[in-house]
Amino acid sequence: MSELKELEGKMKYVMSNLKDTVDLSLDIRAKHPETKKIIDSYWEEFLSHFVTYIKRREKETGDEVLKGFAFLNLFKLIK
């Protein structure tokens, strides 16, 4: 399906940008430790907005896009 290829391509593109964003965040924090709280707030806002959007769209569509996602495994990675 071409739609699956499109989805895969978009996810790869987003992952590449996220990696760049993480690296830039860490670089700025290392060079300017006083920015840590600001950068933390950017990440908190980004992740909060992302999860809120997913939950809103799931509610609107009745389809849980993350239903099969093992959050427990994600939380183990965060430790």
PDB file of N, CA and C in Angstrom:
ATOM      1  N   MET A   1       0.830  -1.193   0.000  1.00  0.00           N
ATOM      2  CA  MET A   1       0.000   0.000   0.000  1.00  0.00           C
ATOM      3  C   MET A   1       0.870   1.251   0.000  1.00  0.00           C
ATOM      4  N   SER A   2       0.546   2.147  -0.880  1.00  0.00           N
ATOM      5  CA  SER A   2       1.321   3.382  -0.952  1.00  0.00           C
ATOM      6  C   SER A   2       1.125   4.236   0.305  1.00  0.00           C
ATOM      7  N   GLU A   3      -0.043   4.110   0.941  1.00  0.00           N
ATOM      8  CA  GLU A   3      -0.292   4.881   2.163  1.00  0.00           C
ATOM      9  C   GLU A   3       0.643   4.446   3.289  1.00  0.00           C
ATOM     10  N   LEU A   4       0.928   3.153   3.357  1.00  0.00           N
ATOM     11  CA  LEU A   4       1.848   2.657   4.383  1.00  0.00           C
ATOM     12  C   LEU A   4       3.259   3.171   4.136  1.00  0.00           C
ATOM     13  N   LYS A   5       3.663   3.216   2.880  1.00  0.00           N
ATOM     14  CA  LYS A   5       4.982   3.767   2.536  1.00  0.00           C
ATOM     15  C   LYS A   5       5.045   5.252   2.894  1.00  0.00           C
ATOM     16  N   GLU A   6       3.953   5.972   2.646  1.00  0.00           N
ATOM     17  CA  GLU A   6       3.901   7.385   2.992  1.00  0.00           C
ATOM     18  C   GLU A   6       4.022   7.559   4.508  1.00  0.00           C
ATOM     19  N   LEU A   7       3.297   6.744   5.262  1.00  0.00           N
ATOM     20  CA  LEU A   7       3.361   6.800   6.726  1.00  0.00           C
ATOM     21  C   LEU A   7       4.774   6.499   7.211  1.00  0.00           C
ATOM     22  N   GLU A   8       5.372   5.442   6.659  1.00  0.00           N
ATOM     23  CA  GLU A   8       6.730   5.082   7.043  1.00  0.00           C
ATOM     24  C   GLU A   8       7.711   6.220   6.740  1.00  0.00           C
ATOM     25  N   GLY A   9       7.567   6.821   5.583  1.00  0.00           N
ATOM     26  CA  GLY A   9       8.436   7.928   5.193  1.00  0.00           C
ATOM     27  C   GLY A   9       8.283   9.122   6.128  1.00  0.00           C
ATOM     28  N   LYS A  10       7.042   9.446   6.477  1.00  0.00           N
ATOM     29  CA  LYS A  10       6.795  10.570   7.383  1.00  0.00           C
ATOM     30  C   LYS A  10       7.374  10.285   8.771  1.00  0.00           C
ATOM     31  N   MET A  11       7.229   9.052   9.240  1.00  0.00           N
ATOM     32  CA  MET A  11       7.766   8.699  10.556  1.00  0.00           C
ATOM     33  C   MET A  11       9.298   8.765  10.557  1.00  0.00           C
ATOM     34  N   LYS A  12       9.924   8.325   9.486  1.00  0.00           N
ATOM     35  CA  LYS A  12      11.385   8.416   9.379  1.00  0.00           C
ATOM     36  C   LYS A  12      11.834   9.871   9.356  1.00  0.00           C
ATOM     37  N   TYR A  13      11.095  10.705   8.644  1.00  0.00           N
ATOM     38  CA  TYR A  13      11.402  12.133   8.566  1.00  0.00           C
ATOM     39  C   TYR A  13      11.280  12.780   9.948  1.00  0.00           C
ATOM     40  N   VAL A  14      10.195  12.485  10.633  1.00  0.00           N
ATOM     41  CA  VAL A  14       9.984  13.034  11.982  1.00  0.00           C
ATOM     42  C   VAL A  14      11.075  12.542  12.928  1.00  0.00           C
ATOM     43  N   MET A  15      11.423  11.265  12.856  1.00  0.00           N
ATOM     44  CA  MET A  15      12.458  10.720  13.740  1.00  0.00           C
ATOM     45  C   MET A  15      13.791  11.413  13.490  1.00  0.00           C
ATOM     46  N   SER A  16      14.111  11.666  12.245  1.00  0.00           N
ATOM     47  CA  SER A  16      15.350  12.369  11.919  1.00  0.00           C
ATOM     48  C   SER A  16      15.351  13.764  12.540  1.00  0.00           C
ATOM     49  N   ASN A  17      14.228  14.470  12.420  1.00  0.00           N
ATOM     50  CA  ASN A  17      14.121  15.800  13.012  1.00  0.00           C
ATOM     51  C   ASN A  17      14.168  15.748  14.535  1.00  0.00           C
ATOM     52  N   LEU A  18      13.548  14.752  15.120  1.00  0.00           N
ATOM     53  CA  LEU A  18      13.588  14.622  16.579  1.00  0.00           C
ATOM     54  C   LEU A  18      15.007  14.347  17.071  1.00  0.00           C
ATOM     55  N   LYS A  19      15.736  13.504  16.363  1.00  0.00           N
ATOM     56  CA  LYS A  19      17.126  13.249  16.745  1.00  0.00           C
ATOM     57  C   LYS A  19      17.946  14.534  16.685  1.00  0.00           C
ATOM     58  N   ASP A  20      17.764  15.301  15.615  1.00  0.00           N
ATOM     59  CA  ASP A  20      18.462  16.588  15.492  1.00  0.00           C
ATOM     60  C   ASP A  20      18.080  17.521  16.643  1.00  0.00           C
ATOM     61  N   THR A  21      16.804  17.499  17.012  1.00  0.00           N
ATOM     62  CA  THR A  21      16.310  18.359  18.084  1.00  0.00           C
ATOM     63  C   THR A  21      16.884  17.957  19.435  1.00  0.00           C
ATOM     64  N   VAL A  22      16.971  16.660  19.686  1.00  0.00           N
ATOM     65  CA  VAL A  22      17.585  16.173  20.931  1.00  0.00           C
ATOM     66  C   VAL A  22      19.050  16.593  20.969  1.00  0.00           C
ATOM     67  N   ASP A  23      19.763  16.373  19.864  1.00  0.00           N
ATOM     68  CA  ASP A  23      21.176  16.735  19.825  1.00  0.00           C
ATOM     69  C   ASP A  23      21.381  18.231  20.038  1.00  0.00           C
ATOM     70  N   LEU A  24      20.541  19.042  19.412  1.00  0.00           N
ATOM     71  CA  LEU A  24      20.642  20.493  19.581  1.00  0.00           C
ATOM     72  C   LEU A  24      20.329  20.888  21.023  1.00  0.00           C
ATOM     73  N   SER A  25      19.320  20.267  21.607  1.00  0.00           N
ATOM     74  CA  SER A  25      18.972  20.550  23.004  1.00  0.00           C
ATOM     75  C   SER A  25      20.150  20.255  23.923  1.00  0.00           C
ATOM     76  N   LEU A  26      20.770  19.112  23.719  1.00  0.00           N
ATOM     77  CA  LEU A  26      21.902  18.723  24.560  1.00  0.00           C
ATOM     78  C   LEU A  26      23.104  19.638  24.335  1.00  0.00           C
ATOM     79  N   ASP A  27      23.314  20.025  23.093  1.00  0.00           N
ATOM     80  CA  ASP A  27      24.414  20.933  22.769  1.00  0.00           C
ATOM     81  C   ASP A  27      24.217  22.299  23.442  1.00  0.00           C
ATOM     82  N   ILE A  28      23.022  22.837  23.331  1.00  0.00           N
ATOM     83  CA  ILE A  28      22.734  24.131  23.962  1.00  0.00           C
ATOM     84  C   ILE A  28      22.878  24.025  25.472  1.00  0.00           C
ATOM     85  N   ARG A  29      22.354  22.957  26.059  1.00  0.00           N
ATOM     86  CA  ARG A  29      22.440  22.778  27.518  1.00  0.00           C
ATOM     87  C   ARG A  29      23.896  22.697  27.974  1.00  0.00           C
ATOM     88  N   ALA A  30      24.725  22.028  27.186  1.00  0.00           N
ATOM     89  CA  ALA A  30      26.138  21.899  27.548  1.00  0.00           C
ATOM     90  C   ALA A  30      26.859  23.248  27.467  1.00  0.00           C
ATOM     91  N   LYS A  31      26.552  24.034  26.444  1.00  0.00           N
ATOM     92  CA  LYS A  31      27.205  25.327  26.250  1.00  0.00           C
ATOM     93  C   LYS A  31      26.644  26.410  27.175  1.00  0.00           C
ATOM     94  N   HIS A  32      25.361  26.287  27.488  1.00  0.00           N
ATOM     95  CA  HIS A  32      24.673  27.323  28.270  1.00  0.00           C
ATOM     96  C   HIS A  32      23.806  26.669  29.344  1.00  0.00           C
ATOM     97  N   PRO A  33      24.438  26.185  30.426  1.00  0.00           N
ATOM     98  CA  PRO A  33      23.685  25.470  31.464  1.00  0.00           C
ATOM     99  C   PRO A  33      22.497  26.253  32.021  1.00  0.00           C
ATOM    100  N   GLU A  34      22.553  27.571  31.937  1.00  0.00           N
ATOM    101  CA  GLU A  34      21.449  28.380  32.457  1.00  0.00           C
ATOM    102  C   GLU A  34      20.167  28.217  31.638  1.00  0.00           C
ATOM    103  N   THR A  35      20.262  27.580  30.465  1.00  0.00           N
ATOM    104  CA  THR A  35      19.085  27.393  29.613  1.00  0.00           C
ATOM    105  C   THR A  35      18.334  26.094  29.900  1.00  0.00           C
ATOM    106  N   LYS A  36      18.839  25.285  30.829  1.00  0.00           N
ATOM    107  CA  LYS A  36      18.235  23.967  31.065  1.00  0.00           C
ATOM    108  C   LYS A  36      16.745  24.040  31.357  1.00  0.00           C
ATOM    109  N   LYS A  37      16.331  24.962  32.219  1.00  0.00           N
ATOM    110  CA  LYS A  37      14.907  25.051  32.563  1.00  0.00           C
ATOM    111  C   LYS A  37      14.068  25.453  31.354  1.00  0.00           C
ATOM    112  N   ILE A  38      14.603  26.330  30.535  1.00  0.00           N
ATOM    113  CA  ILE A  38      13.869  26.753  29.335  1.00  0.00           C
ATOM    114  C   ILE A  38      13.715  25.576  28.378  1.00  0.00           C
ATOM    115  N   ILE A  39      14.802  24.869  28.153  1.00  0.00           N
ATOM    116  CA  ILE A  39      14.762  23.719  27.247  1.00  0.00           C
ATOM    117  C   ILE A  39      13.846  22.638  27.806  1.00  0.00           C
ATOM    118  N   ASP A  40      13.917  22.406  29.114  1.00  0.00           N
ATOM    119  CA  ASP A  40      13.010  21.434  29.739  1.00  0.00           C
ATOM    120  C   ASP A  40      11.553  21.816  29.489  1.00  0.00           C
ATOM    121  N   SER A  41      11.263  23.113  29.591  1.00  0.00           N
ATOM    122  CA  SER A  41       9.879  23.556  29.376  1.00  0.00           C
ATOM    123  C   SER A  41       9.463  23.369  27.917  1.00  0.00           C
ATOM    124  N   TYR A  42      10.390  23.571  26.978  1.00  0.00           N
ATOM    125  CA  TYR A  42      10.076  23.322  25.566  1.00  0.00           C
ATOM    126  C   TYR A  42       9.704  21.857  25.350  1.00  0.00           C
ATOM    127  N   TRP A  43      10.519  20.958  25.937  1.00  0.00           N
ATOM    128  CA  TRP A  43      10.258  19.531  25.775  1.00  0.00           C
ATOM    129  C   TRP A  43       8.948  19.127  26.450  1.00  0.00           C
ATOM    130  N   GLU A  44       8.710  19.661  27.626  1.00  0.00           N
ATOM    131  CA  GLU A  44       7.464  19.337  28.324  1.00  0.00           C
ATOM    132  C   GLU A  44       6.258  19.802  27.506  1.00  0.00           C
ATOM    133  N   GLU A  45       6.336  21.011  26.980  1.00  0.00           N
ATOM    134  CA  GLU A  45       5.239  21.538  26.173  1.00  0.00           C
ATOM    135  C   GLU A  45       5.046  20.709  24.902  1.00  0.00           C
ATOM    136  N   PHE A  46       6.138  20.373  24.249  1.00  0.00           N
ATOM    137  CA  PHE A  46       6.069  19.570  23.023  1.00  0.00           C
ATOM    138  C   PHE A  46       5.422  18.211  23.291  1.00  0.00           C
ATOM    139  N   LEU A  47       5.933  17.501  24.297  1.00  0.00           N
ATOM    140  CA  LEU A  47       5.417  16.155  24.583  1.00  0.00           C
ATOM    141  C   LEU A  47       3.972  16.198  25.063  1.00  0.00           C
ATOM    142  N   SER A  48       3.651  17.184  25.860  1.00  0.00           N
ATOM    143  CA  SER A  48       2.279  17.340  26.333  1.00  0.00           C
ATOM    144  C   SER A  48       1.333  17.605  25.164  1.00  0.00           C
ATOM    145  N   HIS A  49       1.728  18.500  24.277  1.00  0.00           N
ATOM    146  CA  HIS A  49       0.906  18.814  23.110  1.00  0.00           C
ATOM    147  C   HIS A  49       0.736  17.579  22.229  1.00  0.00           C
ATOM    148  N   PHE A  50       1.806  16.835  22.026  1.00  0.00           N
ATOM    149  CA  PHE A  50       1.772  15.645  21.186  1.00  0.00           C
ATOM    150  C   PHE A  50       0.818  14.596  21.747  1.00  0.00           C
ATOM    151  N   VAL A  51       0.948  14.289  23.025  1.00  0.00           N
ATOM    152  CA  VAL A  51       0.089  13.275  23.648  1.00  0.00           C
ATOM    153  C   VAL A  51      -1.360  13.752  23.691  1.00  0.00           C
ATOM    154  N   THR A  52      -1.567  15.032  23.999  1.00  0.00           N
ATOM    155  CA  THR A  52      -2.919  15.583  24.031  1.00  0.00           C
ATOM    156  C   THR A  52      -3.573  15.487  22.654  1.00  0.00           C
ATOM    157  N   TYR A  53      -2.802  15.772  21.612  1.00  0.00           N
ATOM    158  CA  TYR A  53      -3.329  15.675  20.248  1.00  0.00           C
ATOM    159  C   TYR A  53      -3.728  14.237  19.917  1.00  0.00           C
ATOM    160  N   ILE A  54      -2.861  13.296  20.268  1.00  0.00           N
ATOM    161  CA  ILE A  54      -3.170  11.886  20.003  1.00  0.00           C
ATOM    162  C   ILE A  54      -4.458  11.495  20.712  1.00  0.00           C
ATOM    163  N   LYS A  55      -4.578  11.827  21.986  1.00  0.00           N
ATOM    164  CA  LYS A  55      -5.761  11.451  22.761  1.00  0.00           C
ATOM    165  C   LYS A  55      -7.022  12.108  22.194  1.00  0.00           C
ATOM    166  N   ARG A  56      -6.924  13.392  21.778  1.00  0.00           N
ATOM    167  CA  ARG A  56      -8.073  14.077  21.204  1.00  0.00           C
ATOM    168  C   ARG A  56      -8.513  13.408  19.905  1.00  0.00           C
ATOM    169  N   ARG A  57      -7.551  13.090  19.051  1.00  0.00           N
ATOM    170  CA  ARG A  57      -7.886  12.455  17.769  1.00  0.00           C
ATOM    171  C   ARG A  57      -8.446  11.054  17.974  1.00  0.00           C
ATOM    172  N   GLU A  58      -7.931  10.333  18.957  1.00  0.00           N
ATOM    173  CA  GLU A  58      -8.477   9.012  19.257  1.00  0.00           C
ATOM    174  C   GLU A  58      -9.939   9.133  19.687  1.00  0.00           C
ATOM    175  N   LYS A  59     -10.218  10.115  20.505  1.00  0.00           N
ATOM    176  CA  LYS A  59     -11.589  10.324  20.976  1.00  0.00           C
ATOM    177  C   LYS A  59     -12.503  10.704  19.813  1.00  0.00           C
ATOM    178  N   GLU A  60     -12.023  11.557  18.924  1.00  0.00           N
ATOM    179  CA  GLU A  60     -12.814  12.003  17.776  1.00  0.00           C
ATOM    180  C   GLU A  60     -13.110  10.858  16.809  1.00  0.00           C
ATOM    181  N   THR A  61     -12.123   9.985  16.607  1.00  0.00           N
ATOM    182  CA  THR A  61     -12.276   8.920  15.614  1.00  0.00           C
ATOM    183  C   THR A  61     -12.778   7.608  16.200  1.00  0.00           C
ATOM    184  N   GLY A  62     -12.631   7.459  17.513  1.00  0.00           N
ATOM    185  CA  GLY A  62     -12.998   6.194  18.145  1.00  0.00           C
ATOM    186  C   GLY A  62     -11.983   5.092  17.916  1.00  0.00           C
ATOM    187  N   ASP A  63     -10.857   5.445  17.334  1.00  0.00           N
ATOM    188  CA  ASP A  63      -9.793   4.476  17.045  1.00  0.00           C
ATOM    189  C   ASP A  63      -8.558   4.842  17.858  1.00  0.00           C
ATOM    190  N   GLU A  64      -8.065   3.891  18.610  1.00  0.00           N
ATOM    191  CA  GLU A  64      -6.924   4.148  19.486  1.00  0.00           C
ATOM    192  C   GLU A  64      -5.629   3.772  18.783  1.00  0.00           C
ATOM    193  N   VAL A  65      -4.970   4.784  18.238  1.00  0.00           N
ATOM    194  CA  VAL A  65      -3.763   4.572  17.442  1.00  0.00           C
ATOM    195  C   VAL A  65      -2.629   3.978  18.286  1.00  0.00           C
ATOM    196  N   LEU A  66      -2.626   4.233  19.575  1.00  0.00           N
ATOM    197  CA  LEU A  66      -1.570   3.710  20.447  1.00  0.00           C
ATOM    198  C   LEU A  66      -2.017   2.516  21.276  1.00  0.00           C
ATOM    199  N   LYS A  67      -3.177   1.952  20.953  1.00  0.00           N
ATOM    200  CA  LYS A  67      -3.713   0.845  21.749  1.00  0.00           C
ATOM    201  C   LYS A  67      -2.721  -0.324  21.850  1.00  0.00           C
ATOM    202  N   GLY A  68      -2.064  -0.644  20.775  1.00  0.00           N
ATOM    203  CA  GLY A  68      -1.131  -1.760  20.773  1.00  0.00           C
ATOM    204  C   GLY A  68       0.259  -1.410  21.267  1.00  0.00           C
ATOM    205  N   PHE A  69       0.444  -0.152  21.641  1.00  0.00           N
ATOM    206  CA  PHE A  69       1.749   0.315  22.081  1.00  0.00           C
ATOM    207  C   PHE A  69       1.973  -0.073  23.536  1.00  0.00           C
ATOM    208  N   ALA A  70       3.120  -0.642  23.828  1.00  0.00           N
ATOM    209  CA  ALA A  70       3.436  -1.093  25.187  1.00  0.00           C
ATOM    210  C   ALA A  70       4.118   0.044  25.951  1.00  0.00           C
ATOM    211  N   PHE A  71       3.301   0.861  26.627  1.00  0.00           N
ATOM    212  CA  PHE A  71       3.849   1.992  27.381  1.00  0.00           C
ATOM    213  C   PHE A  71       4.764   1.519  28.507  1.00  0.00           C
ATOM    214  N   LEU A  72       4.482   0.354  29.060  1.00  0.00           N
ATOM    215  CA  LEU A  72       5.327  -0.175  30.124  1.00  0.00           C
ATOM    216  C   LEU A  72       6.761  -0.334  29.626  1.00  0.00           C
ATOM    217  N   ASN A  73       6.921  -0.813  28.407  1.00  0.00           N
ATOM    218  CA  ASN A  73       8.263  -0.955  27.831  1.00  0.00           C
ATOM    219  C   ASN A  73       8.927   0.406  27.652  1.00  0.00           C
ATOM    220  N   LEU A  74       8.152   1.407  27.271  1.00  0.00           N
ATOM    221  CA  LEU A  74       8.689   2.763  27.122  1.00  0.00           C
ATOM    222  C   LEU A  74       9.177   3.294  28.462  1.00  0.00           C
ATOM    223  N   PHE A  75       8.377   3.102  29.497  1.00  0.00           N
ATOM    224  CA  PHE A  75       8.759   3.582  30.819  1.00  0.00           C
ATOM    225  C   PHE A  75      10.011   2.879  31.335  1.00  0.00           C
ATOM    226  N   LYS A  76      10.200   1.626  30.966  1.00  0.00           N
ATOM    227  CA  LYS A  76      11.423   0.906  31.348  1.00  0.00           C
ATOM    228  C   LYS A  76      12.634   1.549  30.681  1.00  0.00           C
ATOM    229  N   LEU A  77      12.478   2.044  29.457  1.00  0.00           N
ATOM    230  CA  LEU A  77      13.578   2.683  28.740  1.00  0.00           C
ATOM    231  C   LEU A  77      13.950   4.022  29.372  1.00  0.00           C
ATOM    232  N   ILE A  78      12.983   4.690  29.959  1.00  0.00           N
ATOM    233  CA  ILE A  78      13.205   6.017  30.532  1.00  0.00           C
ATOM    234  C   ILE A  78      14.036   5.937  31.796  1.00  0.00           C
ATOM    235  N   LYS A  79      13.939   4.854  32.520  1.00  0.00           N
ATOM    236  CA  LYS A  79      14.677   4.721  33.791  1.00  0.00           C
ATOM    237  C   LYS A  79      16.147   4.886  33.613  1.00  0.00           C
TER     238      LYS A  79
END
